[in-house]
């Protein structure tokens, strides 16, 4: 099956399959989790609820941003391909 068919049918998951594997990335994720837990330990239940809503909203916004970056990179790749041909 071709690349575009796989992509269109949702069989490719670049974010899940190609996440950075560097130690720096892994350490940053660990530290982020540690800091989040330390922050939660200092908050009331209402504040934790608000933090969770904030994190969900922020994650959604980041997803839109990353989606646009992917789209722009794809378009740039198509332009590069035209130059090569």
N, C-alpha and C. Protein backbone atom coordinates (compact mmCIF):
# COMPACT_ATOMS: atom_id res chain seq x y z
N UNK A 1 0.84 -1.17 0.00
CA UNK A 1 0.00 0.00 0.00
C UNK A 1 0.89 1.24 0.00
N UNK A 2 0.48 2.29 -0.71
CA UNK A 2 1.27 3.49 -0.82
C UNK A 2 1.24 4.37 0.41
N UNK A 3 2.19 5.25 0.46
CA UNK A 3 2.32 6.18 1.59
C UNK A 3 1.05 6.98 1.83
N UNK A 4 0.51 7.59 0.77
CA UNK A 4 -0.65 8.46 0.95
C UNK A 4 -1.89 7.67 1.35
N UNK A 5 -2.02 6.45 0.86
CA UNK A 5 -3.14 5.61 1.27
C UNK A 5 -3.02 5.29 2.75
N UNK A 6 -1.81 4.93 3.17
CA UNK A 6 -1.59 4.64 4.59
C UNK A 6 -1.88 5.87 5.46
N UNK A 7 -1.41 7.03 5.02
CA UNK A 7 -1.63 8.27 5.77
C UNK A 7 -3.12 8.60 5.81
N UNK A 8 -3.78 8.53 4.67
CA UNK A 8 -5.21 8.87 4.58
C UNK A 8 -6.05 7.95 5.45
N UNK A 9 -5.72 6.68 5.47
CA UNK A 9 -6.51 5.70 6.22
C UNK A 9 -6.13 5.61 7.70
N UNK A 10 -5.26 6.50 8.14
CA UNK A 10 -4.93 6.57 9.55
C UNK A 10 -4.02 5.46 10.05
N UNK A 11 -3.27 4.85 9.15
CA UNK A 11 -2.37 3.78 9.56
C UNK A 11 -0.99 4.29 9.95
N UNK A 12 -0.71 5.54 9.67
CA UNK A 12 0.56 6.14 10.06
C UNK A 12 0.32 7.05 11.26
N UNK A 13 1.17 6.91 12.25
CA UNK A 13 1.05 7.71 13.48
C UNK A 13 2.41 8.30 13.81
N UNK A 14 2.85 9.32 13.04
CA UNK A 14 4.21 9.84 13.22
C UNK A 14 4.52 10.30 14.63
N UNK A 15 3.58 10.92 15.30
CA UNK A 15 3.87 11.43 16.65
C UNK A 15 4.16 10.28 17.59
N UNK A 16 3.39 9.20 17.49
CA UNK A 16 3.59 8.07 18.38
C UNK A 16 4.83 7.27 18.00
N UNK A 17 5.09 7.14 16.70
CA UNK A 17 6.17 6.28 16.24
C UNK A 17 7.52 6.97 16.17
N UNK A 18 7.51 8.29 16.02
CA UNK A 18 8.77 8.99 15.77
C UNK A 18 9.08 10.06 16.81
N UNK A 19 8.59 9.88 18.02
CA UNK A 19 8.92 10.82 19.09
C UNK A 19 10.42 10.78 19.32
N UNK A 20 10.99 11.89 19.74
CA UNK A 20 12.43 11.91 19.99
C UNK A 20 12.84 10.82 20.99
N UNK A 21 13.98 10.24 20.74
CA UNK A 21 14.48 9.18 21.61
C UNK A 21 15.73 9.61 22.38
N UNK A 22 16.05 10.88 22.30
CA UNK A 22 17.26 11.37 22.97
C UNK A 22 17.09 11.37 24.48
N UNK A 23 18.21 11.30 25.17
CA UNK A 23 18.20 11.37 26.63
C UNK A 23 17.67 12.73 27.10
N UNK A 24 18.02 13.79 26.36
CA UNK A 24 17.54 15.13 26.73
C UNK A 24 16.02 15.18 26.73
N UNK A 25 15.41 14.59 25.71
CA UNK A 25 13.94 14.57 25.62
C UNK A 25 13.34 13.76 26.77
N UNK A 26 13.90 12.57 27.00
CA UNK A 26 13.40 11.71 28.07
C UNK A 26 13.54 12.40 29.43
N UNK A 27 14.68 13.06 29.64
CA UNK A 27 14.90 13.77 30.91
C UNK A 27 13.94 14.93 31.07
N UNK A 28 13.69 15.65 29.99
CA UNK A 28 12.75 16.78 30.05
C UNK A 28 11.34 16.29 30.40
N UNK A 29 10.92 15.18 29.82
CA UNK A 29 9.61 14.62 30.15
C UNK A 29 9.54 14.20 31.61
N UNK A 30 10.59 13.54 32.08
CA UNK A 30 10.64 13.12 33.49
C UNK A 30 10.55 14.32 34.42
N UNK A 31 11.35 15.34 34.12
CA UNK A 31 11.37 16.54 34.97
C UNK A 31 10.03 17.25 34.94
N UNK A 32 9.42 17.32 33.78
CA UNK A 32 8.11 17.94 33.66
C UNK A 32 7.09 17.21 34.53
N UNK A 33 7.10 15.89 34.49
CA UNK A 33 6.19 15.11 35.33
C UNK A 33 6.46 15.30 36.80
N UNK A 34 7.73 15.34 37.16
CA UNK A 34 8.10 15.54 38.57
C UNK A 34 7.62 16.90 39.07
N UNK A 35 7.83 17.92 38.26
CA UNK A 35 7.41 19.27 38.65
C UNK A 35 5.90 19.37 38.74
N UNK A 36 5.19 18.72 37.81
CA UNK A 36 3.72 18.75 37.85
C UNK A 36 3.23 18.11 39.15
N UNK A 37 3.81 16.97 39.51
CA UNK A 37 3.41 16.30 40.76
C UNK A 37 3.73 17.16 41.98
N UNK A 38 4.89 17.81 41.97
CA UNK A 38 5.26 18.69 43.09
C UNK A 38 4.26 19.85 43.19
N UNK A 39 3.86 20.40 42.06
CA UNK A 39 2.88 21.49 42.06
C UNK A 39 1.54 21.00 42.58
N UNK A 40 1.08 19.85 42.11
CA UNK A 40 -0.21 19.31 42.53
C UNK A 40 -0.24 19.09 44.04
N UNK A 41 0.87 18.68 44.59
CA UNK A 41 0.94 18.45 46.04
C UNK A 41 0.68 19.72 46.85
N UNK A 42 0.82 20.88 46.24
CA UNK A 42 0.64 22.14 46.96
C UNK A 42 -0.73 22.77 46.72
N UNK A 43 -1.56 22.15 45.86
CA UNK A 43 -2.82 22.77 45.44
C UNK A 43 -4.03 22.15 46.13
N UNK A 44 -5.10 22.95 46.20
CA UNK A 44 -6.39 22.44 46.68
C UNK A 44 -7.05 21.65 45.55
N UNK A 45 -8.12 20.95 45.86
CA UNK A 45 -8.83 20.18 44.83
C UNK A 45 -9.36 21.08 43.72
N UNK A 46 -9.88 22.26 44.09
CA UNK A 46 -10.37 23.21 43.07
C UNK A 46 -9.23 23.68 42.17
N UNK A 47 -8.10 23.95 42.77
CA UNK A 47 -6.94 24.39 41.99
C UNK A 47 -6.42 23.28 41.08
N UNK A 48 -6.45 22.05 41.57
CA UNK A 48 -6.03 20.92 40.74
C UNK A 48 -6.97 20.79 39.55
N UNK A 49 -8.26 20.95 39.78
CA UNK A 49 -9.24 20.90 38.68
C UNK A 49 -8.96 21.98 37.65
N UNK A 50 -8.67 23.18 38.12
CA UNK A 50 -8.36 24.29 37.22
C UNK A 50 -7.06 24.02 36.45
N UNK A 51 -6.06 23.48 37.14
CA UNK A 51 -4.80 23.14 36.48
C UNK A 51 -5.05 22.10 35.38
N UNK A 52 -5.86 21.09 35.66
CA UNK A 52 -6.15 20.06 34.66
C UNK A 52 -6.87 20.64 33.44
N UNK A 53 -7.81 21.55 33.68
CA UNK A 53 -8.50 22.21 32.57
C UNK A 53 -7.49 23.02 31.76
N UNK A 54 -6.63 23.74 32.44
CA UNK A 54 -5.60 24.52 31.75
C UNK A 54 -4.71 23.61 30.91
N UNK A 55 -4.23 22.51 31.51
CA UNK A 55 -3.34 21.60 30.80
C UNK A 55 -4.02 21.01 29.56
N UNK A 56 -5.30 20.63 29.70
CA UNK A 56 -6.05 20.09 28.55
C UNK A 56 -6.16 21.13 27.45
N UNK A 57 -6.49 22.36 27.82
CA UNK A 57 -6.64 23.44 26.84
C UNK A 57 -5.30 23.74 26.17
N UNK A 58 -4.25 23.79 26.96
CA UNK A 58 -2.91 24.05 26.42
C UNK A 58 -2.48 22.94 25.46
N UNK A 59 -2.75 21.71 25.85
CA UNK A 59 -2.39 20.57 25.00
C UNK A 59 -3.16 20.62 23.68
N UNK A 60 -4.43 21.00 23.73
CA UNK A 60 -5.23 21.14 22.51
C UNK A 60 -4.65 22.22 21.61
N UNK A 61 -4.29 23.37 22.20
CA UNK A 61 -3.71 24.46 21.41
C UNK A 61 -2.38 24.03 20.80
N UNK A 62 -1.54 23.34 21.56
CA UNK A 62 -0.27 22.84 21.04
C UNK A 62 -0.49 21.86 19.88
N UNK A 63 -1.53 21.06 19.99
CA UNK A 63 -1.86 20.12 18.92
C UNK A 63 -2.17 20.85 17.62
N UNK A 64 -2.96 21.93 17.71
CA UNK A 64 -3.26 22.73 16.52
C UNK A 64 -1.99 23.33 15.93
N UNK A 65 -1.11 23.81 16.80
CA UNK A 65 0.15 24.39 16.37
C UNK A 65 1.01 23.34 15.65
N UNK A 66 1.15 22.17 16.25
CA UNK A 66 1.96 21.11 15.65
C UNK A 66 1.36 20.63 14.33
N UNK A 67 0.04 20.60 14.26
CA UNK A 67 -0.63 20.22 13.02
C UNK A 67 -0.28 21.20 11.90
N UNK A 68 -0.27 22.48 12.22
CA UNK A 68 0.07 23.49 11.22
C UNK A 68 1.55 23.40 10.82
N UNK A 69 2.41 23.14 11.78
CA UNK A 69 3.83 22.95 11.46
C UNK A 69 3.99 21.77 10.51
N UNK A 70 3.30 20.67 10.79
CA UNK A 70 3.37 19.50 9.92
C UNK A 70 2.90 19.86 8.51
N UNK A 71 1.79 20.57 8.42
CA UNK A 71 1.24 20.96 7.12
C UNK A 71 2.23 21.82 6.35
N UNK A 72 2.81 22.81 7.03
CA UNK A 72 3.76 23.69 6.37
C UNK A 72 5.02 22.93 5.94
N UNK A 73 5.50 22.02 6.79
CA UNK A 73 6.68 21.23 6.43
C UNK A 73 6.38 20.33 5.24
N UNK A 74 5.18 19.79 5.21
CA UNK A 74 4.79 18.94 4.08
C UNK A 74 4.76 19.76 2.79
N UNK A 75 4.19 20.95 2.86
CA UNK A 75 4.14 21.82 1.68
C UNK A 75 5.54 22.22 1.23
N UNK A 76 6.42 22.50 2.19
CA UNK A 76 7.80 22.81 1.84
C UNK A 76 8.48 21.61 1.17
N UNK A 77 8.20 20.43 1.67
CA UNK A 77 8.75 19.23 1.07
C UNK A 77 8.27 19.05 -0.37
N UNK A 78 7.01 19.39 -0.62
CA UNK A 78 6.48 19.30 -1.98
C UNK A 78 7.17 20.31 -2.89
N UNK A 79 7.43 21.50 -2.37
CA UNK A 79 8.15 22.51 -3.15
C UNK A 79 9.58 22.05 -3.45
N UNK A 80 10.22 21.42 -2.47
CA UNK A 80 11.56 20.90 -2.68
C UNK A 80 11.55 19.82 -3.77
N UNK A 81 10.52 18.98 -3.74
CA UNK A 81 10.41 17.92 -4.74
C UNK A 81 10.29 18.52 -6.15
N UNK A 82 9.52 19.59 -6.27
CA UNK A 82 9.37 20.26 -7.56
C UNK A 82 10.73 20.77 -8.07
N UNK A 83 11.55 21.30 -7.16
CA UNK A 83 12.86 21.81 -7.53
C UNK A 83 13.77 20.69 -8.03
N UNK A 84 13.63 19.52 -7.45
CA UNK A 84 14.48 18.38 -7.81
C UNK A 84 14.11 17.84 -9.18
N UNK A 85 12.83 17.88 -9.50
CA UNK A 85 12.36 17.31 -10.77
C UNK A 85 12.80 18.07 -11.95
